[in-house]
Amino acid sequence: MKNFAKMMSLITLCMIVVPCSLFFAGAIELPLVKSIALFGTIVWFIFTPIWMSRQLPVDAAEVEI
């Protein structure tokens, strides 16, 4: 599952960067860039925490503040 999440995270990151670069080069229009980048951002925020989350140390639950 983590490998799939990493792959999707990379793909959606490309969905954010590539359309912006194409717009800068004059290849596509702004409304299309906004749509693709918005979709890529939403999906990136869904998949990235799956593989970037970290495990807390064992004693973290036992510490009282």
Protein backbone atom coordinates (compact mmCIF):
# COMPACT_ATOMS: atom_id res chain seq x y z
CA MET A 1 0.00 0.00 0.00
CA LYS A 2 2.85 2.38 0.80
CA ASN A 3 4.43 1.87 -2.63
CA PHE A 4 1.11 2.63 -4.33
CA ALA A 5 0.70 5.74 -2.18
CA LYS A 6 4.23 6.89 -3.07
CA MET A 7 3.54 6.38 -6.76
CA MET A 8 0.25 8.27 -6.60
CA SER A 9 1.91 11.05 -4.62
CA LEU A 10 4.58 11.44 -7.29
CA ILE A 11 2.03 11.39 -10.10
CA THR A 12 -0.12 14.03 -8.44
CA LEU A 13 2.93 16.17 -7.72
CA CYS A 14 3.65 16.05 -11.44
CA MET A 15 0.02 17.04 -12.04
CA ILE A 16 0.77 20.20 -10.10
CA VAL A 17 4.16 21.11 -11.58
CA VAL A 18 3.82 20.13 -15.25
CA PRO A 19 0.67 22.13 -16.11
CA CYS A 20 2.16 25.22 -14.46
CA SER A 21 5.28 24.81 -16.57
CA LEU A 22 3.22 24.31 -19.71
CA PHE A 23 1.25 27.47 -18.94
CA PHE A 24 4.50 29.37 -18.45
CA ALA A 25 5.61 28.13 -21.88
CA GLY A 26 2.29 29.20 -23.40
CA ALA A 27 1.14 25.70 -24.33
CA ILE A 28 -2.13 25.56 -22.33
CA GLU A 29 -4.66 28.02 -20.96
CA LEU A 30 -5.09 29.12 -17.35
CA PRO A 31 -8.51 27.50 -16.61
CA LEU A 32 -7.13 24.08 -17.56
CA VAL A 33 -4.06 24.64 -15.38
CA LYS A 34 -6.26 25.58 -12.42
CA SER A 35 -8.44 22.49 -12.81
CA ILE A 36 -5.57 20.04 -13.13
CA ALA A 37 -3.55 21.62 -10.31
CA LEU A 38 -6.56 21.67 -7.98
CA PHE A 39 -7.29 18.01 -8.62
CA GLY A 40 -3.62 17.12 -8.20
CA THR A 41 -3.40 19.04 -4.92
CA ILE A 42 -6.46 17.37 -3.43
CA VAL A 43 -5.31 13.88 -4.37
CA TRP A 44 -1.76 14.65 -3.17
CA PHE A 45 -3.10 15.59 0.27
CA ILE A 46 -5.00 12.29 0.36
CA PHE A 47 -2.11 9.97 -0.56
CA THR A 48 0.98 11.65 0.90
CA PRO A 49 0.12 11.27 4.62
CA ILE A 50 -0.33 7.53 4.06
CA TRP A 51 3.35 6.95 3.36
CA MET A 52 4.89 9.91 5.20
CA SER A 53 3.31 9.25 8.58
CA ARG A 54 5.75 8.23 11.27
CA GLN A 55 5.44 5.83 14.16
CA LEU A 56 5.66 7.36 17.61
CA PRO A 57 8.14 5.87 20.05
CA VAL A 58 6.79 3.24 22.43
CA ASP A 59 7.17 5.39 25.52
CA ALA A 60 5.39 8.44 24.04
CA ALA A 61 1.98 7.17 25.20
CA GLU A 62 3.25 6.71 28.76
CA VAL A 63 4.52 10.26 29.28
CA GLU A 64 2.30 12.58 31.30
CA ILE A 65 2.55 16.32 30.94
